[in-house]
C-alpha cells in the first residue's frame, strides 16, 4: 500500500514538472524575435547615391542672346552670338564672340551717343573654382568714339583663346564706355559706363577628360 502511494506521488510530481516546463516555454520569445540568432532577418544595405553634376549654364545655347543694359540716360540693346558651333567650343579652340549694339536716350533732345571703348574679359571656371582671367580685349574708337545712337549701331567680334582643360564654362565680362553729348550742338560730353556678362559652356572633346 505504501509503495502504491509513493508511486502515485512521483507520477503526480512528474506531471506538474512537465506542465511547468510547458508554461515556461510558452512565456519565452520566439527565436525570430531574438537578436543575434541565425534566423534573424538580414538588412539590405541601401544603394549608394551618386551625385549628378549640375548642368552647365550656357547663354548661347540657342545660338544667340539679347540683353538690355543702361548707363545713366543711355539704354543699350546688345546682341551676342558666335559663328562657332557650341559643340566646338573646346578648351583649345579659338572661340569667337560677336556683339552688335544700338542705343537710345531718355529724354531724347537730339544729342548723340558714342561708344568710346568696349572691353571683354574672359574668366574660365568650373563647378569648384574660377581660373585666372584671360588677357582683356579692347576696341577703342577715335574720339569721340563710335556713333551708336539708333538707327546707327556698333558691331565687333572678340575671341576667347585657350582655357584650362578642366574648365567647363567661361564667363565673358563686358564693359561699355559711352560719351553722351551734353546738348545737340555741344562739343562737351558726359561719360557713362555699363557692364554686362554672359556665360558660355566649354564642350568636352574626345581628348578632354570629363572632369
N, C-alpha and C. Protein backbone atom coordinates (compact mmCIF):
# COMPACT_ATOMS: atom_id res chain seq x y z
N UNK A 1 0.85 -1.21 0.00
CA UNK A 1 0.00 0.00 0.00
C UNK A 1 0.87 1.24 0.00
N UNK A 2 1.93 1.20 0.85
CA UNK A 2 2.81 2.37 0.91
C UNK A 2 3.53 2.59 -0.39
N UNK A 3 3.88 1.49 -1.11
CA UNK A 3 4.58 1.65 -2.38
C UNK A 3 3.68 2.27 -3.41
N UNK A 4 2.41 1.91 -3.44
CA UNK A 4 1.49 2.50 -4.42
C UNK A 4 1.33 3.99 -4.20
N UNK A 5 1.30 4.45 -2.90
CA UNK A 5 1.15 5.88 -2.61
C UNK A 5 2.36 6.64 -3.10
N UNK A 6 3.57 6.05 -2.85
CA UNK A 6 4.78 6.76 -3.28
C UNK A 6 4.84 6.88 -4.80
N UNK A 7 4.46 5.75 -5.48
CA UNK A 7 4.48 5.80 -6.96
C UNK A 7 3.46 6.81 -7.49
N UNK A 8 2.31 6.93 -6.85
CA UNK A 8 1.30 7.91 -7.27
C UNK A 8 1.78 9.33 -7.11
N UNK A 9 2.49 9.57 -5.94
CA UNK A 9 3.02 10.91 -5.72
C UNK A 9 4.11 11.25 -6.73
N UNK A 10 4.95 10.27 -7.03
CA UNK A 10 6.03 10.52 -8.03
C UNK A 10 5.46 10.83 -9.39
N UNK A 11 4.41 10.08 -9.79
CA UNK A 11 3.80 10.36 -11.10
C UNK A 11 3.17 11.73 -11.13
N UNK A 12 2.52 12.13 -10.02
CA UNK A 12 1.90 13.45 -9.96
C UNK A 12 2.95 14.54 -10.04
N UNK A 13 4.11 14.30 -9.36
CA UNK A 13 5.20 15.31 -9.43
C UNK A 13 5.74 15.46 -10.83
N UNK A 14 5.85 14.37 -11.55
CA UNK A 14 6.35 14.44 -12.94
C UNK A 14 5.40 15.21 -13.83
N UNK A 15 4.09 14.99 -13.60
CA UNK A 15 3.08 15.70 -14.42
C UNK A 15 3.18 17.20 -14.16
N UNK A 16 3.30 17.59 -12.85
CA UNK A 16 3.38 19.01 -12.50
C UNK A 16 4.64 19.63 -13.09
N UNK A 17 5.77 18.91 -13.00
CA UNK A 17 7.02 19.44 -13.56
C UNK A 17 6.92 19.63 -15.06
N UNK A 18 6.28 18.66 -15.73
CA UNK A 18 6.11 18.78 -17.18
C UNK A 18 5.23 19.97 -17.54
N UNK A 19 4.18 20.17 -16.77
CA UNK A 19 3.30 21.31 -17.04
C UNK A 19 4.04 22.62 -16.83
N UNK A 20 4.92 22.67 -15.79
CA UNK A 20 5.68 23.89 -15.53
C UNK A 20 6.62 24.20 -16.68
N UNK A 21 7.25 23.18 -17.24
CA UNK A 21 8.15 23.38 -18.37
C UNK A 21 7.41 23.91 -19.59
N UNK A 22 6.17 23.38 -19.81
CA UNK A 22 5.37 23.86 -20.94
C UNK A 22 5.02 25.32 -20.76
N UNK A 23 4.65 25.71 -19.51
CA UNK A 23 4.30 27.11 -19.25
C UNK A 23 5.50 28.00 -19.45
N UNK A 24 6.66 27.61 -18.94
CA UNK A 24 7.86 28.42 -19.11
C UNK A 24 8.24 28.57 -20.57
N UNK A 25 8.10 27.48 -21.30
CA UNK A 25 8.42 27.56 -22.73
C UNK A 25 7.46 28.49 -23.44
N UNK A 26 6.19 28.50 -23.04
CA UNK A 26 5.22 29.37 -23.68
C UNK A 26 5.44 30.83 -23.39
N UNK A 27 6.13 31.16 -22.27
CA UNK A 27 6.37 32.55 -21.90
C UNK A 27 7.59 33.13 -22.59
N UNK A 28 8.44 32.32 -23.22
CA UNK A 28 9.66 32.83 -23.86
C UNK A 28 9.38 33.49 -25.20
N UNK A 29 10.37 34.24 -25.71
CA UNK A 29 10.24 34.88 -27.02
C UNK A 29 10.56 33.88 -28.11
N UNK A 30 9.87 33.97 -29.25
CA UNK A 30 10.16 33.05 -30.36
C UNK A 30 11.55 33.33 -30.90
N UNK A 31 12.19 32.36 -31.49
CA UNK A 31 13.58 32.53 -31.96
C UNK A 31 13.76 33.68 -32.90
N UNK A 32 12.80 33.96 -33.80
CA UNK A 32 12.99 35.03 -34.77
C UNK A 32 12.89 36.43 -34.17
N UNK A 33 12.40 36.51 -32.91
CA UNK A 33 12.31 37.81 -32.26
C UNK A 33 13.54 38.12 -31.44
N UNK A 34 14.47 37.18 -31.33
CA UNK A 34 15.67 37.38 -30.53
C UNK A 34 16.82 37.80 -31.43
N UNK A 35 17.54 38.83 -31.01
CA UNK A 35 18.65 39.31 -31.82
C UNK A 35 19.83 38.38 -31.75
N UNK A 36 20.60 38.36 -32.83
CA UNK A 36 21.84 37.60 -32.84
C UNK A 36 21.67 36.17 -33.26
N UNK A 37 20.43 35.66 -33.40
CA UNK A 37 20.24 34.29 -33.83
C UNK A 37 20.45 34.13 -35.31
N UNK A 38 20.62 32.88 -35.73
CA UNK A 38 20.83 32.62 -37.15
C UNK A 38 19.60 32.92 -37.98
N UNK A 39 18.42 32.87 -37.32
CA UNK A 39 17.17 33.10 -38.06
C UNK A 39 16.78 34.57 -38.10
N UNK A 40 17.59 35.52 -37.54
CA UNK A 40 17.24 36.94 -37.54
C UNK A 40 17.29 37.47 -38.96
N UNK A 41 16.29 38.29 -39.34
CA UNK A 41 16.28 38.81 -40.72
C UNK A 41 17.48 39.70 -40.98
N UNK A 42 18.05 39.59 -42.16
CA UNK A 42 19.21 40.42 -42.52
C UNK A 42 18.73 41.72 -43.15
N UNK A 43 19.51 42.79 -42.95
CA UNK A 43 19.19 44.09 -43.54
C UNK A 43 19.95 44.28 -44.83
N UNK A 44 19.28 44.78 -45.85
CA UNK A 44 19.90 45.01 -47.15
C UNK A 44 20.49 46.42 -47.19
N UNK A 45 21.80 46.58 -47.44
CA UNK A 45 22.38 47.94 -47.47
C UNK A 45 21.77 48.76 -48.59
N UNK A 46 21.55 50.06 -48.29
CA UNK A 46 20.95 50.94 -49.30
C UNK A 46 21.94 51.20 -50.42
N UNK A 47 21.43 51.40 -51.61
CA UNK A 47 22.28 51.67 -52.77
C UNK A 47 22.98 53.01 -52.61
N UNK A 48 24.23 53.07 -53.04
CA UNK A 48 25.00 54.31 -52.94
C UNK A 48 24.39 55.38 -53.85
N UNK A 49 24.31 56.61 -53.34
CA UNK A 49 23.76 57.73 -54.11
C UNK A 49 24.90 58.42 -54.85
N UNK A 50 24.82 58.44 -56.16
CA UNK A 50 25.84 59.07 -56.99
C UNK A 50 25.38 60.48 -57.33
N UNK A 51 26.11 61.52 -56.90
CA UNK A 51 25.68 62.89 -57.20
C UNK A 51 25.70 63.17 -58.69
N UNK A 52 24.68 63.86 -59.15
CA UNK A 52 24.59 64.22 -60.58
C UNK A 52 25.10 65.64 -60.74
N UNK A 53 26.10 65.86 -61.60
CA UNK A 53 26.63 67.22 -61.78
C UNK A 53 25.55 68.19 -62.24
N UNK A 54 25.59 69.40 -61.73
CA UNK A 54 24.64 70.42 -62.14
C UNK A 54 24.88 70.79 -63.60
N UNK A 55 23.82 71.03 -64.35
CA UNK A 55 24.02 71.41 -65.75
C UNK A 55 24.79 72.72 -65.87
N UNK A 56 25.65 72.80 -66.88
CA UNK A 56 26.47 73.99 -67.08
C UNK A 56 25.63 75.05 -67.78
N UNK A 57 25.53 76.27 -67.23
CA UNK A 57 24.75 77.31 -67.90
C UNK A 57 25.39 77.71 -69.22
N UNK A 58 24.57 78.07 -70.18
CA UNK A 58 25.08 78.48 -71.49
C UNK A 58 24.11 79.50 -72.08
N UNK A 59 24.50 80.77 -72.05
CA UNK A 59 23.63 81.82 -72.58
C UNK A 59 23.54 81.81 -74.10
N UNK A 60 24.42 81.05 -74.75
CA UNK A 60 24.38 80.96 -76.22
C UNK A 60 23.86 79.60 -76.69
N UNK A 61 23.21 78.86 -75.81
CA UNK A 61 22.73 77.53 -76.18
C UNK A 61 21.74 77.57 -77.34
N UNK A 62 20.99 78.66 -77.46
CA UNK A 62 20.03 78.78 -78.56
C UNK A 62 20.64 79.46 -79.78
N UNK A 63 21.92 79.79 -79.71
CA UNK A 63 22.60 80.44 -80.83
C UNK A 63 22.93 81.88 -80.58
N UNK A 64 22.09 82.58 -79.80
CA UNK A 64 22.34 83.99 -79.51
C UNK A 64 21.54 84.39 -78.27
N UNK A 65 21.86 85.56 -77.75
CA UNK A 65 21.08 86.10 -76.63
C UNK A 65 21.08 87.62 -76.73
N UNK A 66 20.01 88.24 -76.26
CA UNK A 66 19.88 89.70 -76.30
C UNK A 66 19.77 90.22 -74.88
N UNK A 67 20.47 91.31 -74.60
CA UNK A 67 20.47 91.92 -73.28
C UNK A 67 20.15 93.41 -73.39
N UNK A 68 19.59 93.95 -72.32
CA UNK A 68 19.36 95.38 -72.19
C UNK A 68 20.25 95.90 -71.05
N UNK A 69 21.09 96.87 -71.35
CA UNK A 69 21.94 97.48 -70.31
C UNK A 69 21.70 98.98 -70.32
N UNK A 70 21.90 99.59 -69.17
CA UNK A 70 21.68 101.03 -69.05
C UNK A 70 22.91 101.70 -68.45
N UNK A 71 23.09 102.95 -68.81
CA UNK A 71 24.17 103.78 -68.27
C UNK A 71 23.64 105.20 -68.21
N UNK A 72 23.14 105.60 -67.05
CA UNK A 72 22.53 106.92 -66.93
C UNK A 72 21.30 107.04 -67.83
N UNK A 73 21.31 108.05 -68.70
CA UNK A 73 20.18 108.26 -69.62
C UNK A 73 20.24 107.35 -70.84
N UNK A 74 21.31 106.57 -70.97
CA UNK A 74 21.52 105.74 -72.15
C UNK A 74 21.00 104.32 -71.89
N UNK A 75 20.22 103.80 -72.82
CA UNK A 75 19.76 102.41 -72.79
C UNK A 75 20.31 101.72 -74.04
N UNK A 76 21.02 100.62 -73.84
CA UNK A 76 21.64 99.92 -74.96
C UNK A 76 21.02 98.53 -75.11
N UNK A 77 20.74 98.15 -76.34
CA UNK A 77 20.32 96.79 -76.67
C UNK A 77 21.52 96.09 -77.29
N UNK A 78 21.95 94.99 -76.65
CA UNK A 78 23.16 94.30 -77.09
C UNK A 78 22.79 92.86 -77.46
N UNK A 79 23.22 92.44 -78.64
CA UNK A 79 23.05 91.05 -79.07
C UNK A 79 24.41 90.37 -79.07
N UNK A 80 24.43 89.11 -78.57
CA UNK A 80 25.65 88.30 -78.53
C UNK A 80 25.40 87.01 -79.31
N UNK A 81 26.38 86.58 -80.07
CA UNK A 81 26.28 85.29 -80.76
C UNK A 81 27.69 84.82 -81.12
N UNK A 82 27.78 83.57 -81.59
CA UNK A 82 29.05 83.02 -82.03
C UNK A 82 28.86 82.30 -83.35
N UNK A 83 29.82 82.47 -84.23
CA UNK A 83 29.79 81.76 -85.51
C UNK A 83 30.35 80.34 -85.37
N UNK A 84 30.89 80.02 -84.19
CA UNK A 84 31.40 78.67 -83.93
C UNK A 84 30.34 77.88 -83.19
N UNK A 85 30.02 76.69 -83.71
CA UNK A 85 29.00 75.84 -83.07
C UNK A 85 29.40 75.53 -81.63
N UNK A 86 28.40 75.42 -80.76
CA UNK A 86 28.67 75.22 -79.34
C UNK A 86 29.43 73.93 -79.06
N UNK A 87 29.23 72.89 -79.85
CA UNK A 87 29.96 71.65 -79.60
C UNK A 87 31.42 71.74 -80.02
N UNK A 88 31.81 72.88 -80.59
CA UNK A 88 33.21 73.09 -80.97
C UNK A 88 33.89 74.12 -80.06
N UNK A 89 33.20 74.53 -79.01
CA UNK A 89 33.78 75.43 -78.02
C UNK A 89 34.62 74.61 -77.04
N UNK A 90 35.68 74.00 -77.55
CA UNK A 90 36.56 73.18 -76.73
C UNK A 90 37.62 74.04 -76.05
N UNK A 91 38.32 73.52 -75.05
CA UNK A 91 39.31 74.34 -74.33
C UNK A 91 40.38 74.94 -75.22
N UNK A 92 40.83 74.22 -76.25
CA UNK A 92 41.95 74.71 -77.06
C UNK A 92 41.52 75.51 -78.28
N UNK A 93 40.23 75.52 -78.60
CA UNK A 93 39.76 76.20 -79.82
C UNK A 93 39.79 77.72 -79.65
N UNK A 94 39.92 78.42 -80.77
CA UNK A 94 39.74 79.87 -80.79
C UNK A 94 38.25 80.13 -80.95
N UNK A 95 37.65 80.74 -79.92
CA UNK A 95 36.19 80.82 -79.81
C UNK A 95 35.71 82.25 -80.03
N UNK A 96 35.14 82.56 -81.20
CA UNK A 96 34.71 83.94 -81.47
C UNK A 96 33.37 84.28 -80.81
N UNK A 97 33.27 85.51 -80.33
CA UNK A 97 32.02 86.04 -79.79
C UNK A 97 31.76 87.37 -80.46
N UNK A 98 30.63 87.48 -81.15
CA UNK A 98 30.27 88.71 -81.85
C UNK A 98 29.22 89.46 -81.05
N UNK A 99 29.27 90.80 -81.14
CA UNK A 99 28.26 91.63 -80.50
C UNK A 99 27.77 92.69 -81.48
N UNK A 100 26.55 93.11 -81.31
CA UNK A 100 26.01 94.27 -82.03
C UNK A 100 25.22 95.10 -81.01
N UNK A 101 25.27 96.42 -81.20
CA UNK A 101 24.67 97.31 -80.20
C UNK A 101 24.08 98.55 -80.85
N UNK A 102 22.96 98.99 -80.30
CA UNK A 102 22.38 100.28 -80.64
C UNK A 102 21.80 100.87 -79.36
N UNK A 103 21.75 102.20 -79.27
CA UNK A 103 21.31 102.85 -78.03
C UNK A 103 20.18 103.84 -78.29
N UNK A 104 19.50 104.16 -77.21
CA UNK A 104 18.53 105.25 -77.20
C UNK A 104 18.82 106.13 -75.99
N UNK A 105 18.29 107.35 -75.99
CA UNK A 105 18.50 108.29 -74.89
C UNK A 105 17.15 108.79 -74.38
N UNK A 106 17.02 108.91 -73.08
CA UNK A 106 15.79 109.44 -72.47
C UNK A 106 16.17 110.50 -71.45
N UNK A 107 15.68 111.76 -71.62
CA UNK A 107 14.88 112.26 -72.76
C UNK A 107 15.76 112.47 -73.99
N UNK A 108 15.16 112.31 -75.13
CA UNK A 108 15.88 112.47 -76.40
C UNK A 108 15.74 113.91 -76.86
N UNK A 109 16.81 114.68 -76.62
CA UNK A 109 16.81 116.09 -77.02
C UNK A 109 17.65 116.32 -78.28
N UNK A 110 18.02 115.21 -78.94
CA UNK A 110 18.80 115.35 -80.16
C UNK A 110 20.29 115.17 -79.97
N UNK A 111 20.73 114.91 -78.74
CA UNK A 111 22.16 114.70 -78.51
C UNK A 111 22.58 113.32 -79.01
N UNK A 112 23.85 113.18 -79.36
CA UNK A 112 24.37 111.93 -79.91
C UNK A 112 25.03 111.10 -78.79
N UNK A 113 25.11 109.79 -79.06
CA UNK A 113 25.75 108.85 -78.13
C UNK A 113 26.87 108.14 -78.88
N UNK A 114 28.04 108.10 -78.25
CA UNK A 114 29.20 107.42 -78.85
C UNK A 114 29.69 106.34 -77.90
N UNK A 115 30.11 105.24 -78.50
CA UNK A 115 30.78 104.19 -77.73
C UNK A 115 32.28 104.47 -77.80
N UNK A 116 32.83 104.90 -76.70
CA UNK A 116 34.25 105.24 -76.68
C UNK A 116 35.13 103.99 -76.62
N UNK A 117 34.71 103.00 -75.81
CA UNK A 117 35.54 101.80 -75.63
C UNK A 117 34.66 100.62 -75.24
N UNK A 118 34.97 99.44 -75.83
CA UNK A 118 34.33 98.18 -75.44
C UNK A 118 35.43 97.21 -75.04
N UNK A 119 35.26 96.56 -73.88
CA UNK A 119 36.27 95.64 -73.37
C UNK A 119 35.62 94.32 -72.99
N UNK A 120 36.26 93.21 -73.38
CA UNK A 120 35.80 91.88 -72.98
C UNK A 120 36.91 91.19 -72.20
N UNK A 121 36.55 90.63 -71.04
CA UNK A 121 37.47 89.82 -70.24
C UNK A 121 36.85 88.45 -70.04
N UNK A 122 37.57 87.39 -70.42
CA UNK A 122 37.07 86.03 -70.30
C UNK A 122 37.63 85.39 -69.03
N UNK A 123 36.74 84.82 -68.20
CA UNK A 123 37.14 84.19 -66.95
C UNK A 123 36.67 82.73 -66.97
N UNK A 124 37.59 81.77 -67.19
CA UNK A 124 37.19 80.36 -67.19
C UNK A 124 36.88 79.87 -65.78
N UNK A 125 36.11 78.79 -65.70
CA UNK A 125 35.80 78.23 -64.39
C UNK A 125 35.15 76.87 -64.52
N UNK A 126 34.94 76.24 -63.38
CA UNK A 126 34.13 75.02 -63.32
C UNK A 126 33.33 75.07 -62.02
N UNK A 127 32.68 73.97 -61.67
CA UNK A 127 31.80 73.96 -60.51
C UNK A 127 32.56 74.23 -59.21
N UNK A 128 33.87 73.92 -59.20
CA UNK A 128 34.64 74.03 -57.97
C UNK A 128 35.45 75.31 -57.84
N UNK A 129 35.79 75.95 -58.97
CA UNK A 129 36.69 77.09 -58.88
C UNK A 129 36.62 77.97 -60.12
N UNK A 130 37.18 79.18 -59.97
CA UNK A 130 37.39 80.09 -61.09
C UNK A 130 38.88 80.15 -61.37
N UNK A 131 39.25 80.19 -62.65
CA UNK A 131 40.65 80.26 -63.03
C UNK A 131 41.04 81.71 -63.30
N UNK A 132 42.32 81.92 -63.52
CA UNK A 132 42.81 83.26 -63.82
C UNK A 132 42.16 83.77 -65.11
N UNK A 133 41.76 85.03 -65.14
CA UNK A 133 41.14 85.57 -66.36
C UNK A 133 42.15 85.66 -67.50
N UNK A 134 41.63 85.54 -68.71
CA UNK A 134 42.47 85.74 -69.88
C UNK A 134 42.73 87.24 -70.05
N UNK A 135 43.70 87.57 -70.87
CA UNK A 135 44.02 88.99 -71.09
C UNK A 135 42.81 89.71 -71.67
N UNK A 136 42.46 90.90 -71.13
CA UNK A 136 41.32 91.65 -71.66
C UNK A 136 41.55 92.04 -73.13
N UNK A 137 40.45 92.12 -73.86
CA UNK A 137 40.49 92.58 -75.25
C UNK A 137 39.67 93.86 -75.34
N UNK A 138 40.23 94.86 -75.99
CA UNK A 138 39.59 96.19 -76.03
C UNK A 138 39.50 96.70 -77.46
N UNK A 139 38.35 97.29 -77.76
CA UNK A 139 38.17 98.00 -79.02
C UNK A 139 37.85 99.45 -78.68
N UNK A 140 38.73 100.35 -79.12
CA UNK A 140 38.56 101.76 -78.80
C UNK A 140 38.50 102.58 -80.09
N UNK A 141 37.48 103.41 -80.19
CA UNK A 141 37.31 104.23 -81.38
C UNK A 141 38.06 105.55 -81.28
N UNK A 142 38.26 106.18 -82.43
CA UNK A 142 38.84 107.54 -82.44
C UNK A 142 37.86 108.50 -81.76
N UNK A 143 38.39 109.51 -81.04
CA UNK A 143 37.49 110.45 -80.34
C UNK A 143 36.46 111.06 -81.29
N UNK A 144 35.21 111.17 -80.88
CA UNK A 144 34.70 110.80 -79.55
C UNK A 144 34.32 109.32 -79.43
N UNK A 145 34.46 108.53 -80.49
CA UNK A 145 34.10 107.12 -80.44
C UNK A 145 33.19 106.74 -81.59
N UNK A 146 32.58 105.57 -81.45
CA UNK A 146 31.67 105.06 -82.48
C UNK A 146 30.25 105.57 -82.21
N UNK A 147 29.61 106.12 -83.24
CA UNK A 147 28.24 106.58 -83.09
C UNK A 147 27.32 105.36 -82.95
N UNK A 148 26.61 105.27 -81.84
CA UNK A 148 25.76 104.09 -81.58
C UNK A 148 24.31 104.48 -81.29
N UNK A 149 23.94 105.74 -81.54
CA UNK A 149 22.56 106.14 -81.33
C UNK A 149 21.72 105.61 -82.48
N UNK A 150 20.65 104.83 -82.14
CA UNK A 150 19.79 104.25 -83.17
C UNK A 150 19.30 105.34 -84.13
N UNK A 151 19.35 105.10 -85.46
CA UNK A 151 19.50 103.81 -86.14
C UNK A 151 20.94 103.37 -86.39
N UNK A 152 21.92 104.10 -85.90
CA UNK A 152 23.30 103.67 -86.07
C UNK A 152 23.63 102.61 -85.01
N UNK A 153 24.51 101.69 -85.36
CA UNK A 153 24.83 100.60 -84.45
C UNK A 153 26.31 100.27 -84.51
N UNK A 154 26.72 99.47 -83.58
CA UNK A 154 28.12 99.05 -83.45
C UNK A 154 28.18 97.53 -83.51
N UNK A 155 29.17 96.99 -84.22
CA UNK A 155 29.38 95.55 -84.30
C UNK A 155 30.87 95.25 -84.13
N UNK A 156 31.15 94.16 -83.44
CA UNK A 156 32.54 93.76 -83.23
C UNK A 156 32.59 92.28 -82.88
N UNK A 157 33.73 91.65 -83.12
CA UNK A 157 33.96 90.25 -82.75
C UNK A 157 35.21 90.17 -81.88
N UNK A 158 35.05 89.56 -80.73
CA UNK A 158 36.17 89.26 -79.85
C UNK A 158 36.44 87.76 -79.91
N UNK A 159 37.61 87.36 -79.44
CA UNK A 159 37.96 85.94 -79.47
C UNK A 159 38.39 85.46 -78.09
N UNK A 160 37.84 84.30 -77.70
CA UNK A 160 38.23 83.66 -76.45
C UNK A 160 39.28 82.62 -76.80
N UNK A 161 40.47 82.76 -76.22
CA UNK A 161 41.56 81.84 -76.51
C UNK A 161 41.49 80.56 -75.69
N UNK A 162 42.62 79.91 -75.54
CA UNK A 162 42.68 78.63 -74.84
C UNK A 162 42.39 78.82 -73.36
N UNK A 163 41.62 77.88 -72.81
CA UNK A 163 41.28 77.90 -71.38
C UNK A 163 41.77 76.59 -70.76
N UNK A 164 41.87 76.50 -69.42
CA UNK A 164 42.32 75.25 -68.78
C UNK A 164 41.48 74.06 -69.22
N UNK A 165 42.13 72.90 -69.29
CA UNK A 165 41.46 71.69 -69.78
C UNK A 165 40.27 71.29 -68.93
N UNK A 166 40.30 71.59 -67.61
CA UNK A 166 39.19 71.19 -66.76
C UNK A 166 38.16 72.30 -66.56
N UNK A 167 38.23 73.38 -67.34
CA UNK A 167 37.18 74.40 -67.31
C UNK A 167 35.94 73.85 -68.00
N UNK A 168 34.79 74.12 -67.41
CA UNK A 168 33.52 73.67 -68.01
C UNK A 168 32.70 74.83 -68.57
N UNK A 169 33.13 76.05 -68.27
CA UNK A 169 32.44 77.22 -68.82
C UNK A 169 33.41 78.40 -68.81
N UNK A 170 33.02 79.45 -69.49
CA UNK A 170 33.78 80.70 -69.45
C UNK A 170 32.78 81.85 -69.33
N UNK A 171 33.03 82.74 -68.39
CA UNK A 171 32.19 83.92 -68.20
C UNK A 171 32.84 85.08 -68.94
N UNK A 172 32.08 85.69 -69.83
CA UNK A 172 32.57 86.81 -70.63
C UNK A 172 32.04 88.10 -70.02
N UNK A 173 32.94 88.90 -69.49
CA UNK A 173 32.57 90.14 -68.83
C UNK A 173 32.83 91.31 -69.79
N UNK A 174 31.79 92.09 -70.06
CA UNK A 174 31.88 93.20 -70.99
C UNK A 174 31.73 94.53 -70.25
N UNK A 175 32.54 95.49 -70.66
CA UNK A 175 32.42 96.86 -70.17
C UNK A 175 32.27 97.80 -71.35
N UNK A 176 31.24 98.66 -71.30
CA UNK A 176 30.96 99.60 -72.38
C UNK A 176 31.06 101.02 -71.82
N UNK A 177 31.91 101.82 -72.44
CA UNK A 177 32.11 103.21 -72.01
C UNK A 177 31.54 104.14 -73.08
N UNK A 178 30.53 104.91 -72.69
CA UNK A 178 29.82 105.79 -73.62
C UNK A 178 30.18 107.26 -73.36
N UNK A 179 30.07 108.05 -74.43
CA UNK A 179 30.12 109.51 -74.32
C UNK A 179 28.81 110.06 -74.84
N UNK A 180 28.17 110.87 -74.03
CA UNK A 180 26.87 111.46 -74.37
C UNK A 180 27.03 112.97 -74.48
N UNK A 181 26.64 113.50 -75.63
CA UNK A 181 26.67 114.96 -75.80
C UNK A 181 25.82 115.63 -74.73
N UNK A 182 26.35 116.69 -74.15
CA UNK A 182 25.56 117.41 -73.14
C UNK A 182 24.39 118.15 -73.78
N UNK A 183 24.57 118.67 -74.99
CA UNK A 183 23.49 119.27 -75.79
C UNK A 183 23.73 118.86 -77.25
N UNK A 184 22.71 118.99 -78.11
CA UNK A 184 22.89 118.57 -79.50
C UNK A 184 24.01 119.29 -80.24
N UNK A 185 24.37 120.47 -79.82
CA UNK A 185 25.41 121.22 -80.54
C UNK A 185 26.70 121.34 -79.73
N UNK A 186 26.74 120.70 -78.58
CA UNK A 186 27.90 120.87 -77.70
C UNK A 186 29.05 119.96 -78.11
N UNK A 187 30.26 120.41 -77.85
CA UNK A 187 31.45 119.59 -78.03
C UNK A 187 31.90 118.99 -76.70
N UNK A 188 31.06 119.11 -75.70
CA UNK A 188 31.34 118.53 -74.40
C UNK A 188 30.49 117.26 -74.22
N UNK A 189 31.06 116.32 -73.49
CA UNK A 189 30.40 115.02 -73.35
C UNK A 189 30.38 114.58 -71.89
N UNK A 190 29.37 113.80 -71.56
CA UNK A 190 29.29 113.15 -70.26
C UNK A 190 29.61 111.67 -70.46
N UNK A 191 30.50 111.15 -69.62
CA UNK A 191 30.88 109.74 -69.75
C UNK A 191 29.97 108.87 -68.89
N UNK A 192 29.49 107.76 -69.49
CA UNK A 192 28.65 106.80 -68.79
C UNK A 192 29.21 105.40 -69.07
N UNK A 193 29.17 104.54 -68.08
CA UNK A 193 29.72 103.18 -68.21
C UNK A 193 28.67 102.14 -67.85
N UNK A 194 28.59 101.10 -68.68
CA UNK A 194 27.68 99.98 -68.43
C UNK A 194 28.47 98.68 -68.48
N UNK A 195 28.00 97.69 -67.75
CA UNK A 195 28.67 96.38 -67.76
C UNK A 195 27.64 95.28 -67.96
N UNK A 196 28.11 94.16 -68.48
CA UNK A 196 27.24 93.02 -68.74
C UNK A 196 28.11 91.77 -68.75
N UNK A 197 27.51 90.61 -68.62
CA UNK A 197 28.28 89.36 -68.70
C UNK A 197 27.39 88.24 -69.22
N UNK A 198 27.99 87.31 -69.94
CA UNK A 198 27.30 86.11 -70.38
C UNK A 198 28.20 84.92 -70.05
N UNK A 199 27.59 83.74 -69.93
CA UNK A 199 28.32 82.52 -69.64
C UNK A 199 28.13 81.55 -70.79
N UNK A 200 29.22 80.96 -71.24
CA UNK A 200 29.19 80.01 -72.35
C UNK A 200 29.84 78.72 -71.90
N UNK A 201 29.20 77.58 -72.18
CA UNK A 201 29.73 76.28 -71.78
C UNK A 201 30.93 75.90 -72.64
N UNK A 202 31.87 75.20 -72.03
CA UNK A 202 33.01 74.65 -72.74
C UNK A 202 32.69 73.19 -73.07
N UNK A 203 32.82 72.84 -74.36
CA UNK A 203 32.47 71.49 -74.80
C UNK A 203 33.59 70.52 -74.46
N UNK A 204 33.21 69.28 -74.22
CA UNK A 204 34.18 68.22 -73.97
C UNK A 204 34.61 67.60 -75.29
N UNK A 205 35.89 67.61 -75.56
CA UNK A 205 36.40 66.97 -76.77
C UNK A 205 36.80 65.55 -76.44
N UNK A 206 37.08 64.76 -77.46
CA UNK A 206 37.42 63.35 -77.25
C UNK A 206 38.68 63.20 -76.40
N UNK A 207 39.59 64.16 -76.51
CA UNK A 207 40.85 64.08 -75.77
C UNK A 207 40.79 64.77 -74.43
N UNK A 208 39.62 65.37 -74.10
CA UNK A 208 39.49 66.13 -72.86
C UNK A 208 38.74 65.31 -71.84
N UNK A 209 39.27 65.08 -70.62
CA UNK A 209 38.55 64.33 -69.61
C UNK A 209 37.30 65.05 -69.17
N UNK A 210 36.30 64.30 -68.69
CA UNK A 210 35.02 64.88 -68.30
C UNK A 210 35.08 65.63 -66.99
N UNK A 211 36.19 65.61 -66.28
CA UNK A 211 36.33 66.38 -65.07
C UNK A 211 36.52 65.54 -63.83
